[in-house]
Amino acid sequence: MTFGHYEQDNNTRNGQEEIEWIVLDVQDGKSLLLSKYGLDAKPYNTEYTDITWENSSIRKWLNHDFLATAFTAEEQAAILTTQVDNSSTQGYSEWSTSGGNNTQDQIFLLSYAEANQYLKVTPNDRNNLKSRVTPTAYTKAQGAYVSDDKTEDGSAAGWWWLRSPGFYQNYAAYVFYDGLLLNFRVNRDGCIRPAFWLNLESEIF
């Protein structure tokens, strides 16, 4: 589905483009959406330090700058505030780092557990086309690296952040070009795939 607008073709003269979303789940009058493309290139946290999702710069950016830029006031009202689970059950079990406190967010990144549930992301499957992402032209212009690996539609794949911590507290989990779970320094630029729960009973529809 399409919902909201964001710069994607890297041509600001023609305005922002409609954002395409993958519907991951539908339940109780709401749906979980994940951006089809990598919409921007950002670090998980601007400073290389021990961090959790709660205090990360990417969480602040998603729930302030991105939210205000991509959605009208009416659209923002249809995006539900979610109790985001950051417990150990959401991270990769072989990494003993802390996911931090649970948070209240409108926009968030998927956890490892959610990426595994909906996109079959694991530390072992290097041929997972379902979890690969194509960065937009704008995202590539912002510094996103693209590889020789291809997505399901044949486009060059980028890597994208998850909200779960990595093996070290100053690392975070991400999905590699080939669809594999890995972890990286939090201050490196990776593709951002926002996610949120949309109220399907909103008056906007």
N, C-alpha and C. Protein backbone atom coordinates (compact mmCIF):
# COMPACT_ATOMS: atom_id res chain seq x y z
N MET A 1 0.84 -1.18 0.00
CA MET A 1 0.00 0.00 0.00
C MET A 1 0.88 1.24 0.00
N THR A 2 0.30 2.39 -0.34
CA THR A 2 1.02 3.66 -0.27
C THR A 2 0.42 4.50 0.85
N PHE A 3 1.29 5.24 1.53
CA PHE A 3 0.85 6.08 2.65
C PHE A 3 1.98 7.06 2.95
N GLY A 4 1.69 8.34 2.95
CA GLY A 4 2.70 9.35 3.20
C GLY A 4 3.58 9.60 1.98
N HIS A 5 4.46 10.58 2.10
CA HIS A 5 5.35 10.97 1.00
C HIS A 5 6.75 11.24 1.55
N TYR A 6 7.77 10.90 0.75
CA TYR A 6 9.16 11.16 1.13
C TYR A 6 10.00 11.25 -0.13
N GLU A 7 11.05 12.05 -0.08
CA GLU A 7 11.92 12.17 -1.25
C GLU A 7 12.57 10.82 -1.56
N GLN A 8 12.45 10.39 -2.82
CA GLN A 8 12.99 9.09 -3.18
C GLN A 8 13.77 9.09 -4.49
N ASP A 9 13.37 9.90 -5.47
CA ASP A 9 14.07 9.86 -6.76
C ASP A 9 15.24 10.84 -6.81
N ASN A 10 15.51 11.51 -5.70
CA ASN A 10 16.62 12.47 -5.57
C ASN A 10 16.47 13.66 -6.52
N ASN A 11 15.23 13.97 -6.87
CA ASN A 11 14.92 15.15 -7.67
C ASN A 11 13.91 15.98 -6.90
N THR A 12 14.37 16.92 -6.11
CA THR A 12 13.48 17.68 -5.24
C THR A 12 12.55 18.61 -6.02
N ARG A 13 12.85 18.86 -7.29
CA ARG A 13 12.03 19.78 -8.08
C ARG A 13 10.65 19.20 -8.38
N ASN A 14 10.52 17.87 -8.35
CA ASN A 14 9.21 17.27 -8.64
C ASN A 14 8.46 16.85 -7.38
N GLY A 15 8.94 17.29 -6.24
CA GLY A 15 8.25 16.99 -4.98
C GLY A 15 8.54 15.59 -4.45
N GLN A 16 7.98 15.30 -3.30
CA GLN A 16 8.18 14.00 -2.67
C GLN A 16 7.33 12.93 -3.35
N GLU A 17 7.81 11.70 -3.28
CA GLU A 17 7.09 10.57 -3.88
C GLU A 17 6.29 9.82 -2.81
N GLU A 18 5.24 9.15 -3.25
CA GLU A 18 4.45 8.32 -2.34
C GLU A 18 5.32 7.19 -1.79
N ILE A 19 5.15 6.91 -0.51
CA ILE A 19 5.91 5.83 0.13
C ILE A 19 5.15 4.51 -0.03
N GLU A 20 5.85 3.50 -0.52
CA GLU A 20 5.27 2.17 -0.63
C GLU A 20 5.61 1.35 0.61
N TRP A 21 4.61 0.63 1.11
CA TRP A 21 4.77 -0.15 2.34
C TRP A 21 4.40 -1.60 2.10
N ILE A 22 5.11 -2.49 2.78
CA ILE A 22 4.77 -3.91 2.81
C ILE A 22 3.90 -4.15 4.04
N VAL A 23 2.78 -4.80 3.86
CA VAL A 23 1.90 -5.13 4.99
C VAL A 23 2.40 -6.44 5.60
N LEU A 24 2.95 -6.36 6.80
CA LEU A 24 3.51 -7.54 7.46
C LEU A 24 2.47 -8.30 8.28
N ASP A 25 1.48 -7.57 8.81
CA ASP A 25 0.53 -8.20 9.73
C ASP A 25 -0.73 -7.36 9.77
N VAL A 26 -1.86 -8.01 9.99
CA VAL A 26 -3.14 -7.33 10.18
C VAL A 26 -3.84 -8.00 11.35
N GLN A 27 -4.26 -7.18 12.33
CA GLN A 27 -4.96 -7.73 13.49
C GLN A 27 -5.72 -6.63 14.20
N ASP A 28 -6.94 -6.95 14.63
CA ASP A 28 -7.74 -6.06 15.47
C ASP A 28 -7.84 -4.64 14.92
N GLY A 29 -8.11 -4.52 13.63
CA GLY A 29 -8.32 -3.20 13.04
C GLY A 29 -7.07 -2.39 12.83
N LYS A 30 -5.90 -3.02 12.84
CA LYS A 30 -4.64 -2.31 12.61
C LYS A 30 -3.72 -3.18 11.77
N SER A 31 -2.77 -2.54 11.09
CA SER A 31 -1.83 -3.30 10.28
C SER A 31 -0.41 -2.82 10.55
N LEU A 32 0.53 -3.76 10.51
CA LEU A 32 1.94 -3.46 10.69
C LEU A 32 2.57 -3.26 9.32
N LEU A 33 3.14 -2.07 9.10
CA LEU A 33 3.72 -1.73 7.82
C LEU A 33 5.23 -1.56 7.94
N LEU A 34 5.93 -1.96 6.89
CA LEU A 34 7.37 -1.79 6.77
C LEU A 34 7.65 -1.19 5.41
N SER A 35 8.50 -0.17 5.35
CA SER A 35 8.77 0.45 4.05
C SER A 35 9.37 -0.57 3.09
N LYS A 36 8.91 -0.52 1.84
CA LYS A 36 9.39 -1.45 0.83
C LYS A 36 10.85 -1.17 0.50
N TYR A 37 11.22 0.11 0.50
CA TYR A 37 12.57 0.53 0.13
C TYR A 37 13.31 1.11 1.33
N GLY A 38 14.63 1.16 1.24
CA GLY A 38 15.41 1.88 2.22
C GLY A 38 15.24 3.37 1.96
N LEU A 39 14.57 4.08 2.87
CA LEU A 39 14.15 5.46 2.60
C LEU A 39 15.19 6.52 2.91
N ASP A 40 16.20 6.18 3.67
CA ASP A 40 17.25 7.14 3.99
C ASP A 40 18.46 6.37 4.48
N ALA A 41 19.58 7.06 4.58
CA ALA A 41 20.80 6.46 5.11
C ALA A 41 21.20 7.22 6.37
N LYS A 42 21.19 6.53 7.50
CA LYS A 42 21.46 7.16 8.79
C LYS A 42 22.24 6.18 9.67
N PRO A 43 23.01 6.70 10.63
CA PRO A 43 23.59 5.82 11.65
C PRO A 43 22.53 5.42 12.66
N TYR A 44 22.72 4.31 13.30
CA TYR A 44 21.84 3.92 14.41
C TYR A 44 21.96 4.96 15.52
N ASN A 45 23.19 5.41 15.74
CA ASN A 45 23.46 6.47 16.70
C ASN A 45 24.63 7.31 16.19
N THR A 46 24.51 8.60 16.27
CA THR A 46 25.54 9.46 15.69
C THR A 46 26.87 9.33 16.41
N GLU A 47 26.85 8.99 17.69
CA GLU A 47 28.09 8.83 18.46
C GLU A 47 28.40 7.35 18.64
N TYR A 48 29.66 6.99 18.51
CA TYR A 48 30.07 5.60 18.71
C TYR A 48 30.23 5.35 20.21
N THR A 49 29.17 4.82 20.82
CA THR A 49 29.14 4.62 22.26
C THR A 49 28.16 3.50 22.58
N ASP A 50 28.21 2.99 23.80
CA ASP A 50 27.22 2.01 24.24
C ASP A 50 25.83 2.65 24.19
N ILE A 51 24.87 1.96 23.59
CA ILE A 51 23.57 2.58 23.36
C ILE A 51 22.50 1.51 23.27
N THR A 52 21.27 1.88 23.56
CA THR A 52 20.10 1.03 23.29
C THR A 52 19.13 1.84 22.45
N TRP A 53 18.11 1.15 21.95
CA TRP A 53 17.10 1.80 21.11
C TRP A 53 16.52 3.04 21.79
N GLU A 54 16.25 2.97 23.08
CA GLU A 54 15.60 4.07 23.79
C GLU A 54 16.32 5.40 23.60
N ASN A 55 17.63 5.40 23.64
CA ASN A 55 18.39 6.63 23.59
C ASN A 55 19.11 6.86 22.26
N SER A 56 18.81 6.05 21.27
CA SER A 56 19.50 6.16 19.99
C SER A 56 19.05 7.38 19.21
N SER A 57 19.94 7.91 18.40
CA SER A 57 19.59 9.07 17.59
C SER A 57 18.61 8.69 16.48
N ILE A 58 18.63 7.43 16.02
CA ILE A 58 17.70 7.04 14.96
C ILE A 58 16.27 6.99 15.48
N ARG A 59 16.08 6.62 16.72
CA ARG A 59 14.72 6.63 17.29
C ARG A 59 14.19 8.06 17.33
N LYS A 60 15.01 9.00 17.76
CA LYS A 60 14.60 10.41 17.82
C LYS A 60 14.29 10.92 16.42
N TRP A 61 15.13 10.59 15.46
CA TRP A 61 14.92 11.06 14.09
C TRP A 61 13.62 10.51 13.51
N LEU A 62 13.35 9.24 13.72
CA LEU A 62 12.15 8.63 13.17
C LEU A 62 10.88 9.24 13.74
N ASN A 63 10.88 9.50 15.04
CA ASN A 63 9.66 9.96 15.71
C ASN A 63 9.52 11.48 15.73
N HIS A 64 10.47 12.18 15.14
CA HIS A 64 10.37 13.64 15.04
C HIS A 64 10.53 14.07 13.59
N ASP A 65 11.73 14.06 13.08
CA ASP A 65 11.99 14.55 11.73
C ASP A 65 11.25 13.76 10.65
N PHE A 66 11.44 12.45 10.65
CA PHE A 66 10.79 11.63 9.63
C PHE A 66 9.28 11.70 9.73
N LEU A 67 8.76 11.57 10.92
CA LEU A 67 7.31 11.60 11.13
C LEU A 67 6.71 12.90 10.59
N ALA A 68 7.36 14.02 10.90
CA ALA A 68 6.83 15.33 10.48
C ALA A 68 7.00 15.55 8.98
N THR A 69 8.07 14.99 8.41
CA THR A 69 8.35 15.19 6.99
C THR A 69 7.49 14.31 6.10
N ALA A 70 7.28 13.08 6.51
CA ALA A 70 6.66 12.08 5.63
C ALA A 70 5.14 12.06 5.71
N PHE A 71 4.55 12.59 6.77
CA PHE A 71 3.12 12.42 6.98
C PHE A 71 2.43 13.74 7.34
N THR A 72 1.25 13.94 6.82
CA THR A 72 0.43 15.08 7.20
C THR A 72 -0.08 14.88 8.63
N ALA A 73 -0.66 15.91 9.20
CA ALA A 73 -1.21 15.81 10.56
C ALA A 73 -2.28 14.73 10.63
N GLU A 74 -3.11 14.62 9.58
CA GLU A 74 -4.16 13.61 9.56
C GLU A 74 -3.56 12.20 9.48
N GLU A 75 -2.51 12.06 8.68
CA GLU A 75 -1.85 10.76 8.57
C GLU A 75 -1.15 10.39 9.87
N GLN A 76 -0.52 11.35 10.51
CA GLN A 76 0.14 11.09 11.78
C GLN A 76 -0.86 10.60 12.82
N ALA A 77 -2.08 11.14 12.79
CA ALA A 77 -3.10 10.73 13.75
C ALA A 77 -3.54 9.28 13.54
N ALA A 78 -3.33 8.77 12.32
CA ALA A 78 -3.72 7.38 12.04
C ALA A 78 -2.61 6.39 12.38
N ILE A 79 -1.42 6.90 12.72
CA ILE A 79 -0.31 6.04 13.11
C ILE A 79 -0.38 5.82 14.62
N LEU A 80 -0.55 4.60 15.03
CA LEU A 80 -0.74 4.28 16.44
C LEU A 80 0.56 4.41 17.22
N THR A 81 0.43 4.81 18.47
CA THR A 81 1.57 4.77 19.39
C THR A 81 1.68 3.34 19.90
N THR A 82 2.85 2.76 19.75
CA THR A 82 3.06 1.34 20.04
C THR A 82 3.95 1.16 21.26
N GLN A 83 3.60 0.21 22.11
CA GLN A 83 4.48 -0.22 23.18
C GLN A 83 5.53 -1.12 22.54
N VAL A 84 6.71 -0.58 22.34
CA VAL A 84 7.76 -1.30 21.61
C VAL A 84 8.55 -2.16 22.59
N ASP A 85 8.57 -3.44 22.30
CA ASP A 85 9.23 -4.43 23.16
C ASP A 85 10.72 -4.47 22.86
N ASN A 86 11.54 -4.13 23.83
CA ASN A 86 12.99 -4.17 23.68
C ASN A 86 13.64 -5.20 24.60
N SER A 87 12.85 -6.15 25.06
CA SER A 87 13.35 -7.18 25.96
C SER A 87 14.30 -8.12 25.24
N SER A 88 14.93 -8.99 26.00
CA SER A 88 15.90 -9.93 25.43
C SER A 88 15.27 -10.88 24.41
N THR A 89 13.96 -11.09 24.51
CA THR A 89 13.29 -11.99 23.56
C THR A 89 13.27 -11.42 22.14
N GLN A 90 13.50 -10.11 22.02
CA GLN A 90 13.46 -9.47 20.70
C GLN A 90 14.81 -9.47 20.00
N GLY A 91 15.88 -9.72 20.75
CA GLY A 91 17.21 -9.73 20.17
C GLY A 91 17.68 -11.13 19.82
N TYR A 92 18.85 -11.22 19.23
CA TYR A 92 19.43 -12.51 18.89
C TYR A 92 19.97 -13.16 20.16
N SER A 93 19.56 -14.38 20.43
CA SER A 93 19.82 -15.04 21.71
C SER A 93 21.31 -15.27 21.99
N GLU A 94 22.14 -15.33 20.94
CA GLU A 94 23.56 -15.58 21.15
C GLU A 94 24.33 -14.33 21.56
N TRP A 95 23.67 -13.18 21.49
CA TRP A 95 24.30 -11.93 21.91
C TRP A 95 23.71 -11.52 23.26
N SER A 96 24.55 -11.34 24.26
CA SER A 96 24.06 -11.12 25.63
C SER A 96 23.89 -9.65 25.98
N THR A 97 23.92 -8.78 25.00
CA THR A 97 23.75 -7.34 25.25
C THR A 97 22.30 -7.01 25.60
N SER A 98 22.11 -5.83 26.20
CA SER A 98 20.79 -5.39 26.63
C SER A 98 20.09 -4.58 25.55
N GLY A 99 18.79 -4.87 25.37
CA GLY A 99 17.97 -4.08 24.46
C GLY A 99 17.42 -2.83 25.10
N GLY A 100 17.62 -2.68 26.41
CA GLY A 100 17.15 -1.47 27.11
C GLY A 100 15.69 -1.53 27.48
N ASN A 101 15.17 -0.38 27.88
CA ASN A 101 13.78 -0.28 28.31
C ASN A 101 12.82 -0.36 27.14
N ASN A 102 11.61 -0.80 27.41
CA ASN A 102 10.55 -0.70 26.42
C ASN A 102 10.24 0.77 26.17
N THR A 103 9.74 1.08 25.00
CA THR A 103 9.49 2.48 24.63
C THR A 103 8.09 2.64 24.05
N GLN A 104 7.64 3.87 23.99
CA GLN A 104 6.38 4.23 23.34
C GLN A 104 6.73 5.01 22.08
N ASP A 105 6.46 4.42 20.93
CA ASP A 105 6.85 5.04 19.66
C ASP A 105 5.74 4.94 18.63
N GLN A 106 5.68 5.95 17.77
CA GLN A 106 4.83 5.84 16.59
C GLN A 106 5.59 5.13 15.47
N ILE A 107 6.84 5.49 15.27
CA ILE A 107 7.68 4.89 14.24
C ILE A 107 8.83 4.15 14.91
N PHE A 108 9.17 3.00 14.39
CA PHE A 108 10.26 2.22 14.98
C PHE A 108 10.94 1.39 13.89
N LEU A 109 12.05 0.77 14.24
CA LEU A 109 12.69 -0.22 13.39
C LEU A 109 12.28 -1.61 13.88
N LEU A 110 12.24 -2.56 12.99
CA LEU A 110 11.95 -3.93 13.41
C LEU A 110 13.04 -4.45 14.32
N SER A 111 12.66 -5.29 15.27
CA SER A 111 13.64 -6.02 16.08
C SER A 111 14.11 -7.25 15.29
N TYR A 112 15.14 -7.92 15.81
CA TYR A 112 15.56 -9.16 15.17
C TYR A 112 14.42 -10.18 15.16
N ALA A 113 13.72 -10.31 16.30
CA ALA A 113 12.64 -11.29 16.40
C ALA A 113 11.55 -11.01 15.37
N GLU A 114 11.23 -9.74 15.16
CA GLU A 114 10.20 -9.37 14.18
C GLU A 114 10.70 -9.62 12.76
N ALA A 115 11.97 -9.30 12.51
CA ALA A 115 12.54 -9.56 11.18
C ALA A 115 12.58 -11.05 10.89
N ASN A 116 12.82 -11.85 11.92
CA ASN A 116 12.81 -13.30 11.77
C ASN A 116 11.39 -13.80 11.53
N GLN A 117 10.44 -13.27 12.27
CA GLN A 117 9.04 -13.71 12.15
C GLN A 117 8.44 -13.39 10.79
N TYR A 118 8.66 -12.16 10.34
CA TYR A 118 7.98 -11.72 9.12
C TYR A 118 8.82 -11.87 7.85
N LEU A 119 10.14 -11.84 7.98
CA LEU A 119 11.00 -11.87 6.79
C LEU A 119 11.99 -13.02 6.80
N LYS A 120 11.89 -13.90 7.83
CA LYS A 120 12.73 -15.09 7.92
C LYS A 120 14.23 -14.78 8.04
N VAL A 121 14.57 -13.64 8.61
CA VAL A 121 15.98 -13.28 8.80
C VAL A 121 16.61 -14.19 9.84
N THR A 122 17.78 -14.75 9.51
CA THR A 122 18.54 -15.59 10.44
C THR A 122 20.02 -15.28 10.26
N PRO A 123 20.87 -15.76 11.18
CA PRO A 123 22.32 -15.57 11.01
C PRO A 123 22.93 -16.56 10.02
N ASN A 124 22.13 -17.40 9.39
CA ASN A 124 22.66 -18.50 8.59
C ASN A 124 22.26 -18.48 7.11
N ASP A 125 21.15 -17.82 6.78
CA ASP A 125 20.63 -17.89 5.41
C ASP A 125 21.13 -16.72 4.57
N ARG A 126 22.10 -16.99 3.72
CA ARG A 126 22.67 -15.95 2.85
C ARG A 126 21.90 -15.80 1.54
N ASN A 127 20.84 -16.56 1.38
CA ASN A 127 20.07 -16.51 0.13
C ASN A 127 18.64 -16.05 0.37
N ASN A 128 18.45 -15.22 1.40
CA ASN A 128 17.11 -14.76 1.76
C ASN A 128 16.74 -13.52 0.94
N LEU A 129 16.10 -13.73 -0.19
CA LEU A 129 15.69 -12.61 -1.04
C LEU A 129 14.62 -11.77 -0.38
N LYS A 130 13.78 -12.40 0.44
CA LYS A 130 12.64 -11.71 1.04
C LYS A 130 13.08 -10.57 1.95
N SER A 131 14.25 -10.70 2.59
CA SER A 131 14.67 -9.70 3.57
C SER A 131 15.62 -8.65 2.99
N ARG A 132 15.96 -8.77 1.72
CA ARG A 132 16.85 -7.78 1.10
C ARG A 132 16.08 -6.50 0.77
N VAL A 133 16.80 -5.39 0.69
CA VAL A 133 16.13 -4.11 0.44
C VAL A 133 16.86 -3.33 -0.64
N THR A 134 16.09 -2.59 -1.42
CA THR A 134 16.63 -1.68 -2.41
C THR A 134 16.66 -0.27 -1.85
N PRO A 135 17.81 0.38 -1.80
CA PRO A 135 17.85 1.79 -1.39
C PRO A 135 17.29 2.66 -2.52
N THR A 136 16.57 3.72 -2.18
CA THR A 136 16.10 4.66 -3.19
C THR A 136 17.29 5.46 -3.74
N ALA A 137 17.05 6.16 -4.83
CA ALA A 137 18.10 7.03 -5.39
C ALA A 137 18.51 8.09 -4.37
N TYR A 138 17.54 8.61 -3.64
CA TYR A 138 17.84 9.60 -2.60
C TYR A 138 18.71 8.98 -1.51
N THR A 139 18.38 7.77 -1.10
CA THR A 139 19.13 7.09 -0.05
C THR A 139 20.57 6.84 -0.47
N LYS A 140 20.76 6.45 -1.71
CA LYS A 140 22.12 6.25 -2.22
C LYS A 140 22.88 7.57 -2.24
N ALA A 141 22.20 8.66 -2.56
CA ALA A 141 22.84 9.97 -2.56
C ALA A 141 23.22 10.40 -1.15
N GLN A 142 22.53 9.87 -0.14
CA GLN A 142 22.83 10.19 1.26
C GLN A 142 23.95 9.32 1.82
N GLY A 143 24.48 8.41 1.01
CA GLY A 143 25.64 7.63 1.44
C GLY A 143 25.41 6.15 1.60
N ALA A 144 24.22 5.65 1.28
CA ALA A 144 23.96 4.22 1.42
C ALA A 144 24.79 3.43 0.41
N TYR A 145 25.44 2.39 0.90
CA TYR A 145 26.25 1.54 0.01
C TYR A 145 25.35 0.47 -0.61
N VAL A 146 25.58 0.18 -1.87
CA VAL A 146 24.86 -0.90 -2.53
C VAL A 146 25.86 -1.95 -2.99
N SER A 147 25.40 -3.18 -3.06
CA SER A 147 26.28 -4.31 -3.34
C SER A 147 25.94 -4.95 -4.68
N ASP A 148 26.64 -6.03 -4.99
CA ASP A 148 26.33 -6.80 -6.19
C ASP A 148 25.19 -7.78 -5.95
N ASP A 149 24.82 -7.99 -4.68
CA ASP A 149 23.67 -8.84 -4.38
C ASP A 149 22.40 -8.17 -4.87
N LYS A 150 21.44 -8.96 -5.31
CA LYS A 150 20.21 -8.43 -5.88
C LYS A 150 19.00 -8.76 -5.00
N THR A 151 18.03 -7.86 -5.06
CA THR A 151 16.76 -8.08 -4.37
C THR A 151 15.86 -8.94 -5.25
N GLU A 152 14.65 -9.19 -4.76
CA GLU A 152 13.71 -10.02 -5.52
C GLU A 152 13.39 -9.44 -6.89
N ASP A 153 13.40 -8.10 -7.00
CA ASP A 153 13.08 -7.48 -8.28
C ASP A 153 14.31 -7.20 -9.13
N GLY A 154 15.49 -7.70 -8.70
CA GLY A 154 16.69 -7.57 -9.49
C GLY A 154 17.49 -6.31 -9.27
N SER A 155 17.09 -5.49 -8.29
CA SER A 155 17.81 -4.26 -7.98
C SER A 155 18.98 -4.54 -7.05
N ALA A 156 19.95 -3.63 -7.05
CA ALA A 156 21.10 -3.77 -6.16
C ALA A 156 20.65 -3.60 -4.71
N ALA A 157 21.10 -4.48 -3.84
CA ALA A 157 20.65 -4.49 -2.44
C ALA A 157 21.56 -3.65 -1.55
N GLY A 158 20.96 -3.05 -0.55
CA GLY A 158 21.70 -2.37 0.51
C GLY A 158 21.52 -3.12 1.82
N TRP A 159 22.14 -2.61 2.91
CA TRP A 159 21.92 -3.24 4.22
C TRP A 159 21.11 -2.28 5.09
N TRP A 160 20.32 -2.85 6.02
CA TRP A 160 19.40 -2.01 6.78
C TRP A 160 19.40 -2.37 8.27
N TRP A 161 19.25 -1.31 9.06
CA TRP A 161 19.31 -1.45 10.52
C TRP A 161 18.06 -2.11 11.11
N LEU A 162 18.28 -2.89 12.17
CA LEU A 162 17.24 -3.33 13.09
C LEU A 162 17.41 -2.54 14.39
N ARG A 163 16.44 -2.61 15.28
CA ARG A 163 16.57 -1.85 16.53
C ARG A 163 17.29 -2.65 17.63
N SER A 164 17.45 -3.95 17.45
CA SER A 164 18.07 -4.79 18.48
C SER A 164 19.57 -4.54 18.58
N PRO A 165 20.13 -4.75 19.78
CA PRO A 165 21.57 -4.55 19.95
C PRO A 165 22.38 -5.64 19.24
N GLY A 166 23.67 -5.35 19.02
CA GLY A 166 24.55 -6.33 18.42
C GLY A 166 25.31 -7.12 19.47
N PHE A 167 26.42 -7.73 19.06
CA PHE A 167 27.22 -8.54 19.98
C PHE A 167 27.83 -7.68 21.09
N TYR A 168 28.21 -6.44 20.74
CA TYR A 168 28.70 -5.47 21.72
C TYR A 168 27.62 -4.40 21.91
N GLN A 169 27.67 -3.70 23.04
CA GLN A 169 26.65 -2.70 23.31
C GLN A 169 26.77 -1.47 22.40
N ASN A 170 27.93 -1.28 21.78
CA ASN A 170 28.09 -0.18 20.84
C ASN A 170 27.95 -0.64 19.38
N TYR A 171 27.39 -1.83 19.21
CA TYR A 171 27.02 -2.36 17.91
C TYR A 171 25.50 -2.54 17.89
N ALA A 172 24.92 -2.55 16.70
CA ALA A 172 23.49 -2.84 16.56
C ALA A 172 23.29 -3.88 15.47
N ALA A 173 22.18 -4.59 15.54
CA ALA A 173 21.87 -5.62 14.56
C ALA A 173 21.45 -4.99 13.24
N TYR A 174 21.77 -5.68 12.15
CA TYR A 174 21.31 -5.22 10.84
C TYR A 174 21.16 -6.40 9.90
N VAL A 175 20.47 -6.15 8.79
CA VAL A 175 20.28 -7.18 7.77
C VAL A 175 21.23 -6.87 6.61
N PHE A 176 22.11 -7.80 6.32
CA PHE A 176 23.15 -7.62 5.31
C PHE A 176 22.54 -7.66 3.90
N TYR A 177 23.35 -7.31 2.91
CA TYR A 177 22.90 -7.29 1.52
C TYR A 177 22.29 -8.61 1.09
N ASP A 178 22.82 -9.71 1.62
CA ASP A 178 22.34 -11.03 1.20
C ASP A 178 21.18 -11.54 2.04
N GLY A 179 20.69 -10.73 2.98
CA GLY A 179 19.56 -11.12 3.81
C GLY A 179 19.93 -11.71 5.15
N LEU A 180 21.21 -11.75 5.46
CA LEU A 180 21.73 -12.38 6.68
C LEU A 180 21.73 -11.41 7.86
N LEU A 181 21.50 -11.92 9.06
CA LEU A 181 21.64 -11.11 10.27
C LEU A 181 23.12 -10.92 10.59
N LEU A 182 23.53 -9.65 10.79
CA LEU A 182 24.87 -9.32 11.25
C LEU A 182 24.77 -8.16 12.23
N ASN A 183 25.91 -7.66 12.70
CA ASN A 183 25.89 -6.49 13.57
C ASN A 183 27.07 -5.60 13.23
N PHE A 184 26.93 -4.30 13.54
CA PHE A 184 27.91 -3.32 13.08
C PHE A 184 27.97 -2.17 14.07
N ARG A 185 29.05 -1.39 13.97
CA ARG A 185 29.21 -0.19 14.80
C ARG A 185 28.02 0.74 14.61
N VAL A 186 27.49 1.27 15.71
CA VAL A 186 26.25 2.05 15.64
C VAL A 186 26.38 3.35 14.86
N ASN A 187 27.60 3.86 14.67
CA ASN A 187 27.75 5.16 14.02
C ASN A 187 27.98 5.06 12.51
N ARG A 188 27.76 3.88 11.92
CA ARG A 188 27.89 3.72 10.48
C ARG A 188 26.54 3.94 9.80
N ASP A 189 26.55 4.54 8.63
CA ASP A 189 25.31 4.82 7.90
C ASP A 189 24.76 3.54 7.25
N GLY A 190 23.51 3.22 7.57
CA GLY A 190 22.82 2.09 6.96
C GLY A 190 21.45 2.52 6.49
N CYS A 191 20.81 1.71 5.65
CA CYS A 191 19.47 2.03 5.18
C CYS A 191 18.47 1.98 6.33
N ILE A 192 17.51 2.88 6.25
CA ILE A 192 16.44 2.94 7.25
C ILE A 192 15.13 2.48 6.63
N ARG A 193 14.54 1.46 7.25
CA ARG A 193 13.22 0.97 6.83
C ARG A 193 12.25 1.19 7.99
N PRO A 194 11.56 2.32 8.01
CA PRO A 194 10.62 2.59 9.11
C PRO A 194 9.50 1.57 9.15
N ALA A 195 8.98 1.36 10.34
CA ALA A 195 7.84 0.47 10.54
C ALA A 195 6.88 1.13 11.52
N PHE A 196 5.60 0.79 11.41
CA PHE A 196 4.61 1.30 12.36
C PHE A 196 3.31 0.52 12.23
N TRP A 197 2.48 0.66 13.25
CA TRP A 197 1.14 0.09 13.23
C TRP A 197 0.16 1.18 12.80
N LEU A 198 -0.62 0.89 11.77
CA LEU A 198 -1.58 1.85 11.21
C LEU A 198 -2.98 1.48 11.66
N ASN A 199 -3.72 2.50 12.11
CA ASN A 199 -5.11 2.32 12.53
C ASN A 199 -6.00 2.26 11.30
N LEU A 200 -6.49 1.07 10.96
CA LEU A 200 -7.30 0.90 9.76
C LEU A 200 -8.71 1.44 9.92
N GLU A 201 -9.05 1.80 11.14
CA GLU A 201 -10.38 2.35 11.41
C GLU A 201 -10.35 3.87 11.47
N SER A 202 -9.23 4.46 11.14
CA SER A 202 -9.10 5.91 11.15
C SER A 202 -10.05 6.55 10.13
N GLU A 203 -10.51 7.77 10.43
CA GLU A 203 -11.40 8.49 9.54
C GLU A 203 -10.72 8.88 8.23
N ILE A 204 -9.40 8.76 8.18
CA ILE A 204 -8.67 9.14 6.97
C ILE A 204 -8.94 8.18 5.83
N PHE A 205 -9.40 6.96 6.15
CA PHE A 205 -9.66 5.96 5.10
C PHE A 205 -11.13 5.96 4.69
